[in-house]
C-alpha atoms as a PDB file:
ATOM      1  CA  MET A   1      -1.376  -7.977  12.422  1.00  0.00           C
ATOM      2  CA  THR A   2      -1.269 -11.738  12.818  1.00  0.00           C
ATOM      3  CA  ALA A   3      -0.839 -14.294  10.066  1.00  0.00           C
ATOM      4  CA  ALA A   4      -4.600 -14.816  10.190  1.00  0.00           C
ATOM      5  CA  THR A   5      -5.239 -11.127   9.485  1.00  0.00           C
ATOM      6  CA  LEU A   6      -2.556 -10.581   6.849  1.00  0.00           C
ATOM      7  CA  PRO A   7      -4.085  -9.358   3.596  1.00  0.00           C
ATOM      8  CA  PRO A   8      -4.127 -11.753   0.663  1.00  0.00           C
ATOM      9  CA  PRO A   9      -0.857 -11.447  -1.304  1.00  0.00           C
ATOM     10  CA  ALA A  10      -2.694 -10.082  -4.360  1.00  0.00           C
ATOM     11  CA  ARG A  11      -4.151  -7.221  -2.305  1.00  0.00           C
ATOM     12  CA  ALA A  12      -0.802  -6.333  -0.733  1.00  0.00           C
ATOM     13  CA  ALA A  13       0.791  -6.433  -4.190  1.00  0.00           C
ATOM     14  CA  ARG A  14      -1.815  -3.944  -5.503  1.00  0.00           C
ATOM     15  CA  TRP A  15      -1.097  -1.620  -2.574  1.00  0.00           C
ATOM     16  CA  PHE A  16       2.642  -1.683  -3.109  1.00  0.00           C
ATOM     17  CA  HIS A  17       2.329  -1.430  -6.891  1.00  0.00           C
ATOM     18  CA  ALA A  18       0.159   1.662  -6.459  1.00  0.00           C
ATOM     19  CA  LEU A  19       2.758   3.165  -4.129  1.00  0.00           C
ATOM     20  CA  SER A  20       5.714   2.289  -6.379  1.00  0.00           C
ATOM     21  CA  ASP A  21       5.482   5.393  -8.562  1.00  0.00           C
ATOM     22  CA  GLU A  22       6.794   8.866  -7.667  1.00  0.00           C
ATOM     23  CA  THR A  23       3.723  10.655  -9.042  1.00  0.00           C
ATOM     24  CA  ARG A  24       1.352   8.425  -7.083  1.00  0.00           C
ATOM     25  CA  LEU A  25       3.404   8.902  -3.911  1.00  0.00           C
ATOM     26  CA  ARG A  26       3.170  12.653  -4.459  1.00  0.00           C
ATOM     27  CA  LEU A  27      -0.610  12.336  -4.866  1.00  0.00           C
ATOM     28  CA  VAL A  28      -0.835  10.366  -1.606  1.00  0.00           C
ATOM     29  CA  GLU A  29       1.213  13.056   0.105  1.00  0.00           C
ATOM     30  CA  LEU A  30      -1.054  15.814  -1.253  1.00  0.00           C
ATOM     31  CA  LEU A  31      -4.182  13.919  -0.257  1.00  0.00           C
ATOM     32  CA  SER A  32      -2.825  13.392   3.258  1.00  0.00           C
ATOM     33  CA  HIS A  33      -3.796  17.031   3.869  1.00  0.00           C
ATOM     34  CA  GLY A  34      -7.424  16.333   2.970  1.00  0.00           C
ATOM     35  CA  GLU A  35      -9.747  15.917   0.032  1.00  0.00           C
ATOM     36  CA  ARG A  36      -8.596  17.586  -3.191  1.00  0.00           C
ATOM     37  CA  CYS A  37     -10.233  18.416  -6.498  1.00  0.00           C
ATOM     38  CA  VAL A  38      -8.654  16.789  -9.527  1.00  0.00           C
ATOM     39  CA  CYS A  39      -8.070  20.270 -10.980  1.00  0.00           C
ATOM     40  CA  GLU A  40      -6.033  21.211  -7.895  1.00  0.00           C
ATOM     41  CA  LEU A  41      -4.018  17.987  -8.114  1.00  0.00           C
ATOM     42  CA  ALA A  42      -3.303  18.691 -11.781  1.00  0.00           C
ATOM     43  CA  GLY A  43      -2.111  22.196 -10.972  1.00  0.00           C
ATOM     44  CA  VAL A  44       0.164  21.119  -8.128  1.00  0.00           C
ATOM     45  CA  THR A  45       1.686  18.099  -9.865  1.00  0.00           C
ATOM     46  CA  GLY A  46       1.896  19.625 -13.334  1.00  0.00           C
ATOM     47  CA  ALA A  47       0.659  16.307 -14.733  1.00  0.00           C
ATOM     48  CA  ALA A  48      -1.436  16.272 -17.893  1.00  0.00           C
ATOM     49  CA  GLN A  49      -5.052  15.231 -17.339  1.00  0.00           C
ATOM     50  CA  PRO A  50      -4.756  11.773 -18.983  1.00  0.00           C
ATOM     51  CA  ARG A  51      -1.625  10.940 -16.986  1.00  0.00           C
ATOM     52  CA  LEU A  52      -3.167  12.186 -13.738  1.00  0.00           C
ATOM     53  CA  SER A  53      -6.361  10.193 -14.392  1.00  0.00           C
ATOM     54  CA  PHE A  54      -4.289   7.045 -14.918  1.00  0.00           C
ATOM     55  CA  HIS A  55      -2.453   7.509 -11.615  1.00  0.00           C
ATOM     56  CA  LEU A  56      -5.615   8.319  -9.671  1.00  0.00           C
ATOM     57  CA  LYS A  57      -7.346   5.265 -11.150  1.00  0.00           C
ATOM     58  CA  THR A  58      -4.401   3.091 -10.075  1.00  0.00           C
ATOM     59  CA  LEU A  59      -4.668   4.450  -6.516  1.00  0.00           C
ATOM     60  CA  LYS A  60      -8.439   3.988  -6.533  1.00  0.00           C
ATOM     61  CA  ASP A  61      -8.258   0.428  -7.925  1.00  0.00           C
ATOM     62  CA  ALA A  62      -5.797  -0.439  -5.144  1.00  0.00           C
ATOM     63  CA  GLY A  63      -8.301   0.881  -2.610  1.00  0.00           C
ATOM     64  CA  LEU A  64      -6.082   3.739  -1.426  1.00  0.00           C
ATOM     65  CA  VAL A  65      -8.361   6.597  -2.453  1.00  0.00           C
ATOM     66  CA  THR A  66     -12.033   7.323  -2.919  1.00  0.00           C
ATOM     67  CA  ASP A  67     -13.605   9.770  -5.322  1.00  0.00           C
ATOM     68  CA  ARG A  68     -16.814  11.736  -5.428  1.00  0.00           C
ATOM     69  CA  ARG A  69     -18.322  13.840  -8.158  1.00  0.00           C
ATOM     70  CA  ASP A  70     -19.659  17.327  -7.452  1.00  0.00           C
ATOM     71  CA  GLY A  71     -21.028  18.805 -10.662  1.00  0.00           C
ATOM     72  CA  ARG A  72     -18.300  18.600 -13.247  1.00  0.00           C
ATOM     73  CA  TRP A  73     -15.483  18.177 -10.714  1.00  0.00           C
ATOM     74  CA  VAL A  74     -14.163  15.022  -9.105  1.00  0.00           C
ATOM     75  CA  TYR A  75     -12.711  15.114  -5.605  1.00  0.00           C
ATOM     76  CA  TYR A  76     -10.286  12.526  -4.243  1.00  0.00           C
ATOM     77  CA  ALA A  77      -9.553  11.538  -0.654  1.00  0.00           C
ATOM     78  CA  LEU A  78      -7.273   9.018   1.021  1.00  0.00           C
ATOM     79  CA  ARG A  79      -8.668   5.997   2.816  1.00  0.00           C
ATOM     80  CA  PRO A  80      -6.872   6.152   6.177  1.00  0.00           C
ATOM     81  CA  ASP A  81      -8.104   2.666   7.101  1.00  0.00           C
ATOM     82  CA  VAL A  82      -6.227   1.182   4.149  1.00  0.00           C
ATOM     83  CA  LEU A  83      -3.082   3.153   4.960  1.00  0.00           C
ATOM     84  CA  ASP A  84      -3.328   1.793   8.514  1.00  0.00           C
ATOM     85  CA  ARG A  85      -3.584  -1.756   7.118  1.00  0.00           C
ATOM     86  CA  ILE A  86      -0.517  -1.192   4.917  1.00  0.00           C
ATOM     87  CA  ALA A  87       1.451   0.098   7.926  1.00  0.00           C
ATOM     88  CA  ALA A  88       0.297  -2.869  10.021  1.00  0.00           C
ATOM     89  CA  PHE A  89       1.304  -5.261   7.235  1.00  0.00           C
ATOM     90  CA  ALA A  90       4.768  -3.673   7.014  1.00  0.00           C
ATOM     91  CA  ARG A  91       5.210  -3.964  10.790  1.00  0.00           C
ATOM     92  CA  SER A  92       4.031  -7.583  10.791  1.00  0.00           C
ATOM     93  CA  VAL A  93       6.614  -8.802   8.301  1.00  0.00           C
ATOM     94  CA  LYS A  94       9.659  -7.530  10.168  1.00  0.00           C
ATOM     95  CA  PRO A  95      12.263 -10.304  10.422  1.00  0.00           C
ATOM     96  CA  GLY A  96      12.844 -12.226  13.621  1.00  0.00           C
ATOM     97  CA  LYS A  97       9.489 -12.290  15.375  1.00  0.00           C
ATOM     98  CA  HIS A  98       7.561 -14.998  13.602  1.00  0.00           C
ATOM     99  CA  ALA A  99       6.393 -18.168  15.297  1.00  0.00           C
ATOM    100  CA  GLY A 100       7.354 -21.154  13.230  1.00  0.00           C
ATOM    101  CA  SER A 101      10.255 -19.407  11.545  1.00  0.00           C
ATOM    102  CA  CYS A 102      13.279 -21.440  10.606  1.00  0.00           C
ATOM    103  CA  ALA A 103      15.148 -20.264  13.697  1.00  0.00           C
ATOM    104  CA  ALA A 104      12.352 -21.403  15.983  1.00  0.00           C
ATOM    105  CA  ALA A 105      11.272 -24.521  14.121  1.00  0.00           C
ATOM    106  CA  CYS A 106      14.386 -26.266  12.922  1.00  0.00           C
ATOM    107  CA  CYS A 107      17.537 -24.268  13.461  1.00  0.00           C
ATOM    108  CA  ALA A 108      17.483 -24.561  17.240  1.00  0.00           C
ATOM    109  CA  ASP A 109      18.476 -28.232  16.785  1.00  0.00           C
ATOM    110  CA  PRO A 110      21.880 -28.356  15.002  1.00  0.00           C
ATOM    111  CA  ASP A 111      21.097 -31.738  13.372  1.00  0.00           C
ATOM    112  CA  ARG A 112      17.762 -30.515  11.979  1.00  0.00           C
ATOM    113  CA  LYS A 113      19.397 -27.256  10.878  1.00  0.00           C
ATOM    114  CA  ALA A 114      22.016 -29.142   8.857  1.00  0.00           C
ATOM    115  CA  ARG A 115      19.339 -31.297   7.163  1.00  0.00           C
ATOM    116  CA  HIS A 116      17.084 -28.290   6.487  1.00  0.00           C
ATOM    117  CA  HIS A 117      19.801 -26.217   4.855  1.00  0.00           C
ATOM    118  CA  GLU A 118      21.278 -28.997   2.693  1.00  0.00           C
END
């Protein structure tokens, strides 16, 4: 992922916020095995329906999951394309490989480095 294809900071923040909760991480893990009914997710996690709905809405609002209604049941599934974008984002921000970084732009010249870090 290049700087031109990095997601907007607000989008990345929503992704990481959605993944910052143990229950939501557990839901992502469960959904990694395929689509699941909300009743199944409730049974496996032991979460009360209102709490589970809140967490699923957070994941959905962040774009990590989709839902579909079938009669009175709602089924949730992961969006692998978004998970791929999150992984690509994480790989792209590893230290030390950025063009225009301080090491490449100013710190190679000791005089510029001293002025930059004053």
